[in-house]
Amino acid sequence: MGAYAAMQFLFGPVMGGLGDRFGRRPVILLSMLAFGLDYLVMGLSPTYGFLFVSRAIAGITGASFRHRHRLHRRHHAARAARAELRPDRRRLRARVHDRPGHRRPARGLGPRAPFFAAAGLALLNATAAYFHLPESLPAERRRPFHLVRANPLGTFASLARHRGARPLFVAWFLWMLAHQAYPATWAFFTKLKFGWSDRAVGASLAYSGFMLALMQTFVTRRLVPAIGERRSILFGLSVGMVGFRANALVPQG
């Protein structure tokens, strides 16, 4: 998980810069293709070393799908393309449906099955994108690629100049850290404390992913217009805090 996150951090601005230079479409298609092949390699990996290399490659290609950096205009390709193709009223819904939980139902299944399933989905996605994804960045708006601008540390420099962004950055970092601690420890926790089987762990994660998708589809997009973004964020963080605390205190599975 650390190797994946580190590669995303380092290569996010690079992939964004390539998207600015050559257009969003080729970068997204190549990343999707690499994602599919990478997951296939992971499913066939004979040693732990192969898994670390695969996770690093997945982090590099996955950098195309992470958050675009507005302060330096280093748009990561997938998010930038979606923002350019969709009108403003639909961007909230686009952000809502780009949460990590949508990948959660695949966790906890057979030891190699999730990799093959992910590889199939990524390659299917790449095929669909090849035929249906238009280029969102016209040639006249593209700019040369400069390695100096593809420096991830520039993000922190710009945060220092935009004080209003710093609290949001800290809050988002802490929330994502808590969120990643959950899938990283869930299988160990439930097996050690409740003696759950692999099937039970997989079912619990699939149920969690289903509920997350259900809430994002039918609740979140209605809640935000009703009470506003700030209250929605506070509400979501509060519910998450209660849920994580409850997980630590529950007496039985």
C-alpha atoms as a PDB file:
ATOM      1  CA  MET A   1       0.000   0.000   0.000  1.00  0.00           C
ATOM      2  CA  GLY A   2       2.879   2.357   0.771  1.00  0.00           C
ATOM      3  CA  ALA A   3       4.593   1.648  -2.556  1.00  0.00           C
ATOM      4  CA  TYR A   4       1.344   2.323  -4.416  1.00  0.00           C
ATOM      5  CA  ALA A   5       0.747   5.622  -2.604  1.00  0.00           C
ATOM      6  CA  ALA A   6       4.358   6.764  -3.016  1.00  0.00           C
ATOM      7  CA  MET A   7       4.275   6.223  -6.777  1.00  0.00           C
ATOM      8  CA  GLN A   8       0.982   8.110  -7.027  1.00  0.00           C
ATOM      9  CA  PHE A   9       2.502  11.017  -5.136  1.00  0.00           C
ATOM     10  CA  LEU A  10       5.636  11.126  -7.300  1.00  0.00           C
ATOM     11  CA  PHE A  11       4.053  10.544 -10.694  1.00  0.00           C
ATOM     12  CA  GLY A  12       0.742  12.383 -10.333  1.00  0.00           C
ATOM     13  CA  PRO A  13       2.156  15.692 -11.658  1.00  0.00           C
ATOM     14  CA  VAL A  14       4.065  13.812 -14.378  1.00  0.00           C
ATOM     15  CA  MET A  15       0.953  12.110 -15.696  1.00  0.00           C
ATOM     16  CA  GLY A  16      -0.916  15.389 -15.470  1.00  0.00           C
ATOM     17  CA  GLY A  17       1.820  17.133 -17.443  1.00  0.00           C
ATOM     18  CA  LEU A  18       1.734  14.442 -20.109  1.00  0.00           C
ATOM     19  CA  GLY A  19      -2.028  14.920 -20.341  1.00  0.00           C
ATOM     20  CA  ASP A  20      -1.517  18.652 -20.821  1.00  0.00           C
ATOM     21  CA  ARG A  21       1.008  17.974 -23.590  1.00  0.00           C
ATOM     22  CA  PHE A  22      -0.495  15.083 -25.550  1.00  0.00           C
ATOM     23  CA  GLY A  23      -4.167  15.269 -24.506  1.00  0.00           C
ATOM     24  CA  ARG A  24      -6.194  13.408 -21.905  1.00  0.00           C
ATOM     25  CA  ARG A  25      -7.334  10.539 -24.105  1.00  0.00           C
ATOM     26  CA  PRO A  26      -3.981   8.850 -24.905  1.00  0.00           C
ATOM     27  CA  VAL A  27      -2.776   9.121 -21.294  1.00  0.00           C
ATOM     28  CA  ILE A  28      -5.999   7.641 -19.935  1.00  0.00           C
ATOM     29  CA  LEU A  29      -6.041   4.808 -22.476  1.00  0.00           C
ATOM     30  CA  LEU A  30      -2.419   3.876 -21.847  1.00  0.00           C
ATOM     31  CA  SER A  31      -2.968   4.011 -18.085  1.00  0.00           C
ATOM     32  CA  MET A  32      -6.040   1.786 -18.300  1.00  0.00           C
ATOM     33  CA  LEU A  33      -4.162  -0.708 -20.451  1.00  0.00           C
ATOM     34  CA  ALA A  34      -1.190  -0.695 -18.080  1.00  0.00           C
ATOM     35  CA  PHE A  35      -3.547  -1.106 -15.133  1.00  0.00           C
ATOM     36  CA  GLY A  36      -5.090  -4.210 -16.674  1.00  0.00           C
ATOM     37  CA  LEU A  37      -1.743  -5.791 -17.539  1.00  0.00           C
ATOM     38  CA  ASP A  38      -0.387  -4.907 -14.099  1.00  0.00           C
ATOM     39  CA  TYR A  39      -3.250  -6.611 -12.278  1.00  0.00           C
ATOM     40  CA  LEU A  40      -2.751  -9.651 -14.500  1.00  0.00           C
ATOM     41  CA  VAL A  41       0.916  -9.765 -13.457  1.00  0.00           C
ATOM     42  CA  MET A  42      -0.134  -9.453  -9.817  1.00  0.00           C
ATOM     43  CA  GLY A  43      -2.466 -12.416 -10.167  1.00  0.00           C
ATOM     44  CA  LEU A  44       0.392 -14.489 -11.598  1.00  0.00           C
ATOM     45  CA  SER A  45       3.130 -13.200  -9.263  1.00  0.00           C
ATOM     46  CA  PRO A  46       5.255 -16.054  -7.859  1.00  0.00           C
ATOM     47  CA  THR A  47       7.015 -13.982  -5.170  1.00  0.00           C
ATOM     48  CA  TYR A  48       6.456 -10.997  -2.914  1.00  0.00           C
ATOM     49  CA  GLY A  49       8.981  -9.012  -4.919  1.00  0.00           C
ATOM     50  CA  PHE A  50       6.749  -9.199  -7.984  1.00  0.00           C
ATOM     51  CA  LEU A  51       3.867  -7.810  -5.924  1.00  0.00           C
ATOM     52  CA  PHE A  52       5.912  -4.790  -4.821  1.00  0.00           C
ATOM     53  CA  VAL A  53       6.979  -4.067  -8.391  1.00  0.00           C
ATOM     54  CA  SER A  54       3.387  -4.497  -9.574  1.00  0.00           C
ATOM     55  CA  ARG A  55       2.065  -2.160  -6.898  1.00  0.00           C
ATOM     56  CA  ALA A  56       4.622   0.457  -7.901  1.00  0.00           C
ATOM     57  CA  ILE A  57       3.573   0.209 -11.557  1.00  0.00           C
ATOM     58  CA  ALA A  58      -0.090   0.371 -10.545  1.00  0.00           C
ATOM     59  CA  GLY A  59       0.673   3.510  -8.544  1.00  0.00           C
ATOM     60  CA  ILE A  60       2.322   5.161 -11.533  1.00  0.00           C
ATOM     61  CA  THR A  61      -0.555   4.387 -13.890  1.00  0.00           C
ATOM     62  CA  GLY A  62      -3.102   5.038 -11.160  1.00  0.00           C
ATOM     63  CA  ALA A  63      -1.726   8.543 -10.819  1.00  0.00           C
ATOM     64  CA  SER A  64      -3.789   9.406 -13.907  1.00  0.00           C
ATOM     65  CA  PHE A  65      -6.969   8.791 -11.927  1.00  0.00           C
ATOM     66  CA  ARG A  66      -6.228  10.636  -8.709  1.00  0.00           C
ATOM     67  CA  HIS A  67      -7.091  14.185  -7.755  1.00  0.00           C
ATOM     68  CA  ARG A  68      -6.216  17.036 -10.066  1.00  0.00           C
ATOM     69  CA  HIS A  69      -4.223  19.826  -8.534  1.00  0.00           C
ATOM     70  CA  ARG A  70      -6.007  23.077  -9.234  1.00  0.00           C
ATOM     71  CA  LEU A  71      -3.466  25.373  -7.662  1.00  0.00           C
ATOM     72  CA  HIS A  72      -0.784  24.630 -10.271  1.00  0.00           C
ATOM     73  CA  ARG A  73      -3.214  23.534 -12.988  1.00  0.00           C
ATOM     74  CA  ARG A  74      -1.453  20.142 -13.095  1.00  0.00           C
ATOM     75  CA  HIS A  75      -4.551  18.214 -13.982  1.00  0.00           C
ATOM     76  CA  HIS A  76      -4.381  14.486 -13.588  1.00  0.00           C
ATOM     77  CA  ALA A  77      -5.745  13.109 -16.802  1.00  0.00           C
ATOM     78  CA  ALA A  78      -8.915  11.265 -15.826  1.00  0.00           C
ATOM     79  CA  ARG A  79     -10.249  13.894 -13.447  1.00  0.00           C
ATOM     80  CA  ALA A  80      -9.318  16.721 -15.745  1.00  0.00           C
ATOM     81  CA  ALA A  81     -11.038  15.050 -18.693  1.00  0.00           C
ATOM     82  CA  ARG A  82     -14.187  14.476 -16.669  1.00  0.00           C
ATOM     83  CA  ALA A  83     -14.217  18.072 -15.491  1.00  0.00           C
ATOM     84  CA  GLU A  84     -13.785  19.308 -19.059  1.00  0.00           C
ATOM     85  CA  LEU A  85     -16.460  17.024 -20.503  1.00  0.00           C
ATOM     86  CA  ARG A  86     -19.139  17.487 -17.842  1.00  0.00           C
ATOM     87  CA  PRO A  87     -21.094  20.632 -17.050  1.00  0.00           C
ATOM     88  CA  ASP A  88     -20.740  22.164 -13.594  1.00  0.00           C
ATOM     89  CA  ARG A  89     -23.967  20.762 -12.222  1.00  0.00           C
ATOM     90  CA  ARG A  90     -22.686  17.226 -12.755  1.00  0.00           C
ATOM     91  CA  ARG A  91     -19.207  17.630 -11.304  1.00  0.00           C
ATOM     92  CA  LEU A  92     -20.368  16.995  -7.760  1.00  0.00           C
ATOM     93  CA  ARG A  93     -21.834  13.685  -8.785  1.00  0.00           C
ATOM     94  CA  ALA A  94     -18.580  12.845 -10.577  1.00  0.00           C
ATOM     95  CA  ARG A  95     -16.602  13.500  -7.416  1.00  0.00           C
ATOM     96  CA  VAL A  96     -19.032  11.521  -5.291  1.00  0.00           C
ATOM     97  CA  HIS A  97     -18.646   8.417  -7.435  1.00  0.00           C
ATOM     98  CA  ASP A  98     -14.823   8.508  -7.399  1.00  0.00           C
ATOM     99  CA  ARG A  99     -14.410   7.281  -3.868  1.00  0.00           C
ATOM    100  CA  PRO A 100     -12.053   4.433  -2.934  1.00  0.00           C
ATOM    101  CA  GLY A 101     -14.944   2.406  -1.514  1.00  0.00           C
ATOM    102  CA  HIS A 102     -16.197   1.529  -4.975  1.00  0.00           C
ATOM    103  CA  ARG A 103     -13.292  -0.911  -5.232  1.00  0.00           C
ATOM    104  CA  ARG A 104     -14.043  -2.463  -1.860  1.00  0.00           C
ATOM    105  CA  PRO A 105     -16.306  -5.397  -2.840  1.00  0.00           C
ATOM    106  CA  ALA A 106     -13.345  -7.120  -4.536  1.00  0.00           C
ATOM    107  CA  ARG A 107     -11.321  -7.242  -1.336  1.00  0.00           C
ATOM    108  CA  GLY A 108     -11.401 -10.379   0.773  1.00  0.00           C
ATOM    109  CA  LEU A 109     -12.131 -12.871  -2.042  1.00  0.00           C
ATOM    110  CA  GLY A 110      -9.842 -15.726  -3.125  1.00  0.00           C
ATOM    111  CA  PRO A 111      -6.122 -14.888  -2.983  1.00  0.00           C
ATOM    112  CA  ARG A 112      -5.694 -14.422  -6.762  1.00  0.00           C
ATOM    113  CA  ALA A 113      -9.262 -13.991  -7.995  1.00  0.00           C
ATOM    114  CA  PRO A 114      -9.476 -10.245  -7.204  1.00  0.00           C
ATOM    115  CA  PHE A 115      -6.409  -9.529  -9.350  1.00  0.00           C
ATOM    116  CA  PHE A 116      -7.789 -11.374 -12.363  1.00  0.00           C
ATOM    117  CA  ALA A 117     -11.203  -9.760 -11.893  1.00  0.00           C
ATOM    118  CA  ALA A 118      -9.600  -6.304 -11.635  1.00  0.00           C
ATOM    119  CA  ALA A 119      -7.481  -7.016 -14.724  1.00  0.00           C
ATOM    120  CA  GLY A 120     -10.577  -7.982 -16.687  1.00  0.00           C
ATOM    121  CA  LEU A 121     -12.483  -4.894 -15.587  1.00  0.00           C
ATOM    122  CA  ALA A 122      -9.556  -2.581 -16.371  1.00  0.00           C
ATOM    123  CA  LEU A 123      -9.065  -4.044 -19.845  1.00  0.00           C
ATOM    124  CA  LEU A 124     -12.802  -3.935 -20.489  1.00  0.00           C
ATOM    125  CA  ASN A 125     -12.801  -0.316 -19.357  1.00  0.00           C
ATOM    126  CA  ALA A 126      -9.885   0.464 -21.671  1.00  0.00           C
ATOM    127  CA  THR A 127     -11.731  -1.124 -24.593  1.00  0.00           C
ATOM    128  CA  ALA A 128     -14.892   0.865 -23.869  1.00  0.00           C
ATOM    129  CA  ALA A 129     -12.889   4.079 -23.488  1.00  0.00           C
ATOM    130  CA  TYR A 130     -11.141   3.488 -26.798  1.00  0.00           C
ATOM    131  CA  PHE A 131     -14.470   3.548 -28.610  1.00  0.00           C
ATOM    132  CA  HIS A 132     -16.412   6.064 -26.513  1.00  0.00           C
ATOM    133  CA  LEU A 133     -14.004   8.451 -24.744  1.00  0.00           C
ATOM    134  CA  PRO A 134     -13.535  11.708 -26.688  1.00  0.00           C
ATOM    135  CA  GLU A 135     -10.539  13.972 -26.345  1.00  0.00           C
ATOM    136  CA  SER A 136     -11.422  16.794 -23.954  1.00  0.00           C
ATOM    137  CA  LEU A 137      -8.367  19.012 -24.390  1.00  0.00           C
ATOM    138  CA  PRO A 138      -8.203  20.749 -27.794  1.00  0.00           C
ATOM    139  CA  ALA A 139      -4.805  21.188 -29.427  1.00  0.00           C
ATOM    140  CA  GLU A 140      -4.791  24.971 -28.969  1.00  0.00           C
ATOM    141  CA  ARG A 141      -5.038  24.580 -25.172  1.00  0.00           C
ATOM    142  CA  ARG A 142      -2.155  22.133 -24.806  1.00  0.00           C
ATOM    143  CA  ARG A 143       1.224  23.159 -23.505  1.00  0.00           C
ATOM    144  CA  PRO A 144       4.766  21.739 -23.529  1.00  0.00           C
ATOM    145  CA  PHE A 145       5.816  19.241 -20.900  1.00  0.00           C
ATOM    146  CA  HIS A 146       8.408  20.563 -18.450  1.00  0.00           C
ATOM    147  CA  LEU A 147       9.957  18.274 -15.866  1.00  0.00           C
ATOM    148  CA  VAL A 148      10.385  21.198 -13.469  1.00  0.00           C
ATOM    149  CA  ARG A 149       6.616  21.673 -13.317  1.00  0.00           C
ATOM    150  CA  ALA A 150       6.151  17.936 -12.701  1.00  0.00           C
ATOM    151  CA  ASN A 151       7.544  18.259  -9.193  1.00  0.00           C
ATOM    152  CA  PRO A 152       5.147  16.933  -6.519  1.00  0.00           C
ATOM    153  CA  LEU A 153       6.759  19.123  -3.871  1.00  0.00           C
ATOM    154  CA  GLY A 154       5.393  22.140  -5.716  1.00  0.00           C
ATOM    155  CA  THR A 155       2.019  21.226  -4.267  1.00  0.00           C
ATOM    156  CA  PHE A 156       3.208  22.046  -0.764  1.00  0.00           C
ATOM    157  CA  ALA A 157       4.795  25.290  -1.908  1.00  0.00           C
ATOM    158  CA  SER A 158       1.489  26.429  -3.361  1.00  0.00           C
ATOM    159  CA  LEU A 159      -0.338  25.367  -0.198  1.00  0.00           C
ATOM    160  CA  ALA A 160       1.944  27.686   1.769  1.00  0.00           C
ATOM    161  CA  ARG A 161       0.737  30.575  -0.397  1.00  0.00           C
ATOM    162  CA  HIS A 162      -2.949  29.631  -0.147  1.00  0.00           C
ATOM    163  CA  ARG A 163      -3.722  29.534   3.560  1.00  0.00           C
ATOM    164  CA  GLY A 164      -7.317  28.588   3.029  1.00  0.00           C
ATOM    165  CA  ALA A 165      -6.261  25.349   1.363  1.00  0.00           C
ATOM    166  CA  ARG A 166      -4.049  24.152   4.207  1.00  0.00           C
ATOM    167  CA  PRO A 167      -6.783  23.183   6.683  1.00  0.00           C
ATOM    168  CA  LEU A 168      -8.630  21.306   3.936  1.00  0.00           C
ATOM    169  CA  PHE A 169      -5.416  19.515   2.988  1.00  0.00           C
ATOM    170  CA  VAL A 170      -4.766  18.430   6.590  1.00  0.00           C
ATOM    171  CA  ALA A 171      -8.358  17.283   7.071  1.00  0.00           C
ATOM    172  CA  TRP A 172      -8.316  15.313   3.806  1.00  0.00           C
ATOM    173  CA  PHE A 173      -4.950  13.720   4.662  1.00  0.00           C
ATOM    174  CA  LEU A 174      -6.138  12.586   8.104  1.00  0.00           C
ATOM    175  CA  TRP A 175      -9.409  11.263   6.706  1.00  0.00           C
ATOM    176  CA  MET A 176      -7.682   9.267   3.970  1.00  0.00           C
ATOM    177  CA  LEU A 177      -5.170   7.908   6.486  1.00  0.00           C
ATOM    178  CA  ALA A 178      -8.040   6.664   8.664  1.00  0.00           C
ATOM    179  CA  HIS A 179      -9.863   5.323   5.628  1.00  0.00           C
ATOM    180  CA  GLN A 180      -6.825   3.318   4.452  1.00  0.00           C
ATOM    181  CA  ALA A 181      -6.221   1.913   7.935  1.00  0.00           C
ATOM    182  CA  TYR A 182      -9.626   0.238   7.745  1.00  0.00           C
ATOM    183  CA  PRO A 183      -9.130  -2.045   4.709  1.00  0.00           C
ATOM    184  CA  ALA A 184      -5.478  -2.649   5.670  1.00  0.00           C
ATOM    185  CA  THR A 185      -6.378  -4.143   9.071  1.00  0.00           C
ATOM    186  CA  TRP A 186      -9.959  -5.387   8.683  1.00  0.00           C
ATOM    187  CA  ALA A 187      -9.152  -8.979   7.688  1.00  0.00           C
ATOM    188  CA  PHE A 188      -6.605  -9.383  10.497  1.00  0.00           C
ATOM    189  CA  PHE A 189      -8.841  -7.735  13.066  1.00  0.00           C
ATOM    190  CA  THR A 190     -11.954  -9.803  12.366  1.00  0.00           C
ATOM    191  CA  LYS A 191     -10.016 -13.069  12.160  1.00  0.00           C
ATOM    192  CA  LEU A 192      -8.132 -12.465  15.408  1.00  0.00           C
ATOM    193  CA  LYS A 193     -11.064 -11.096  17.414  1.00  0.00           C
ATOM    194  CA  PHE A 194     -14.017 -13.054  16.001  1.00  0.00           C
ATOM    195  CA  GLY A 195     -12.417 -16.005  14.205  1.00  0.00           C
ATOM    196  CA  TRP A 196     -14.008 -15.042  10.880  1.00  0.00           C
ATOM    197  CA  SER A 197     -13.373 -17.119   7.776  1.00  0.00           C
ATOM    198  CA  ASP A 198     -12.160 -15.729   4.452  1.00  0.00           C
ATOM    199  CA  ARG A 199     -15.718 -15.965   3.195  1.00  0.00           C
ATOM    200  CA  ALA A 200     -17.053 -13.913   6.123  1.00  0.00           C
ATOM    201  CA  VAL A 201     -14.378 -11.248   5.657  1.00  0.00           C
ATOM    202  CA  GLY A 202     -15.153 -11.027   1.949  1.00  0.00           C
ATOM    203  CA  ALA A 203     -18.888 -10.839   2.592  1.00  0.00           C
ATOM    204  CA  SER A 204     -18.435  -8.025   5.135  1.00  0.00           C
ATOM    205  CA  LEU A 205     -16.338  -5.953   2.727  1.00  0.00           C
ATOM    206  CA  ALA A 206     -18.740  -6.604  -0.145  1.00  0.00           C
ATOM    207  CA  TYR A 207     -21.623  -5.504   2.072  1.00  0.00           C
ATOM    208  CA  SER A 208     -19.728  -2.362   3.089  1.00  0.00           C
ATOM    209  CA  GLY A 209     -18.983  -1.519  -0.537  1.00  0.00           C
ATOM    210  CA  PHE A 210     -22.598  -2.113  -1.517  1.00  0.00           C
ATOM    211  CA  MET A 211     -23.848   0.191   1.237  1.00  0.00           C
ATOM    212  CA  LEU A 212     -21.340   2.869   0.274  1.00  0.00           C
ATOM    213  CA  ALA A 213     -22.402   2.764  -3.364  1.00  0.00           C
ATOM    214  CA  LEU A 214     -26.057   2.817  -2.313  1.00  0.00           C
ATOM    215  CA  MET A 215     -25.592   5.863  -0.071  1.00  0.00           C
ATOM    216  CA  GLN A 216     -23.558   7.761  -2.659  1.00  0.00           C
ATOM    217  CA  THR A 217     -26.102   7.046  -5.360  1.00  0.00           C
ATOM    218  CA  PHE A 218     -29.279   7.904  -3.485  1.00  0.00           C
ATOM    219  CA  VAL A 219     -28.323   9.978  -0.416  1.00  0.00           C
ATOM    220  CA  THR A 220     -25.172  12.047  -0.917  1.00  0.00           C
ATOM    221  CA  ARG A 221     -26.207  13.753  -4.134  1.00  0.00           C
ATOM    222  CA  ARG A 222     -29.452  14.826  -2.434  1.00  0.00           C
ATOM    223  CA  LEU A 223     -27.910  15.685   0.923  1.00  0.00           C
ATOM    224  CA  VAL A 224     -25.349  18.176  -0.401  1.00  0.00           C
ATOM    225  CA  PRO A 225     -27.872  20.431  -2.199  1.00  0.00           C
ATOM    226  CA  ALA A 226     -30.161  20.251   0.834  1.00  0.00           C
ATOM    227  CA  ILE A 227     -27.740  21.196   3.642  1.00  0.00           C
ATOM    228  CA  GLY A 228     -24.668  22.475   1.775  1.00  0.00           C
ATOM    229  CA  GLU A 229     -21.148  21.153   1.266  1.00  0.00           C
ATOM    230  CA  ARG A 230     -19.734  22.201   4.646  1.00  0.00           C
ATOM    231  CA  ARG A 231     -22.484  20.575   6.699  1.00  0.00           C
ATOM    232  CA  SER A 232     -22.374  17.486   4.502  1.00  0.00           C
ATOM    233  CA  ILE A 233     -18.634  17.150   5.102  1.00  0.00           C
ATOM    234  CA  LEU A 234     -19.050  17.535   8.861  1.00  0.00           C
ATOM    235  CA  PHE A 235     -21.918  15.068   8.860  1.00  0.00           C
ATOM    236  CA  GLY A 236     -19.936  12.501   6.884  1.00  0.00           C
ATOM    237  CA  LEU A 237     -16.846  12.857   9.077  1.00  0.00           C
ATOM    238  CA  SER A 238     -18.969  12.519  12.230  1.00  0.00           C
ATOM    239  CA  VAL A 239     -20.687   9.380  10.978  1.00  0.00           C
ATOM    240  CA  GLY A 240     -17.345   7.922   9.945  1.00  0.00           C
ATOM    241  CA  MET A 241     -15.862   8.666  13.372  1.00  0.00           C
ATOM    242  CA  VAL A 242     -18.754   6.954  15.133  1.00  0.00           C
ATOM    243  CA  GLY A 243     -18.505   3.960  12.800  1.00  0.00           C
ATOM    244  CA  PHE A 244     -14.752   3.498  13.287  1.00  0.00           C
ATOM    245  CA  ARG A 245     -15.132   3.832  17.046  1.00  0.00           C
ATOM    246  CA  ALA A 246     -17.934   1.287  17.054  1.00  0.00           C
ATOM    247  CA  ASN A 247     -15.778  -1.178  15.111  1.00  0.00           C
ATOM    248  CA  ALA A 248     -13.218  -1.071  17.911  1.00  0.00           C
ATOM    249  CA  LEU A 249     -15.784  -1.631  20.672  1.00  0.00           C
ATOM    250  CA  VAL A 250     -18.200  -4.219  19.261  1.00  0.00           C
ATOM    251  CA  PRO A 251     -18.262  -7.376  21.440  1.00  0.00           C
ATOM    252  CA  GLN A 252     -19.184  -9.851  18.699  1.00  0.00           C
ATOM    253  CA  GLY A 253     -19.062 -10.270  14.940  1.00  0.00           C
END
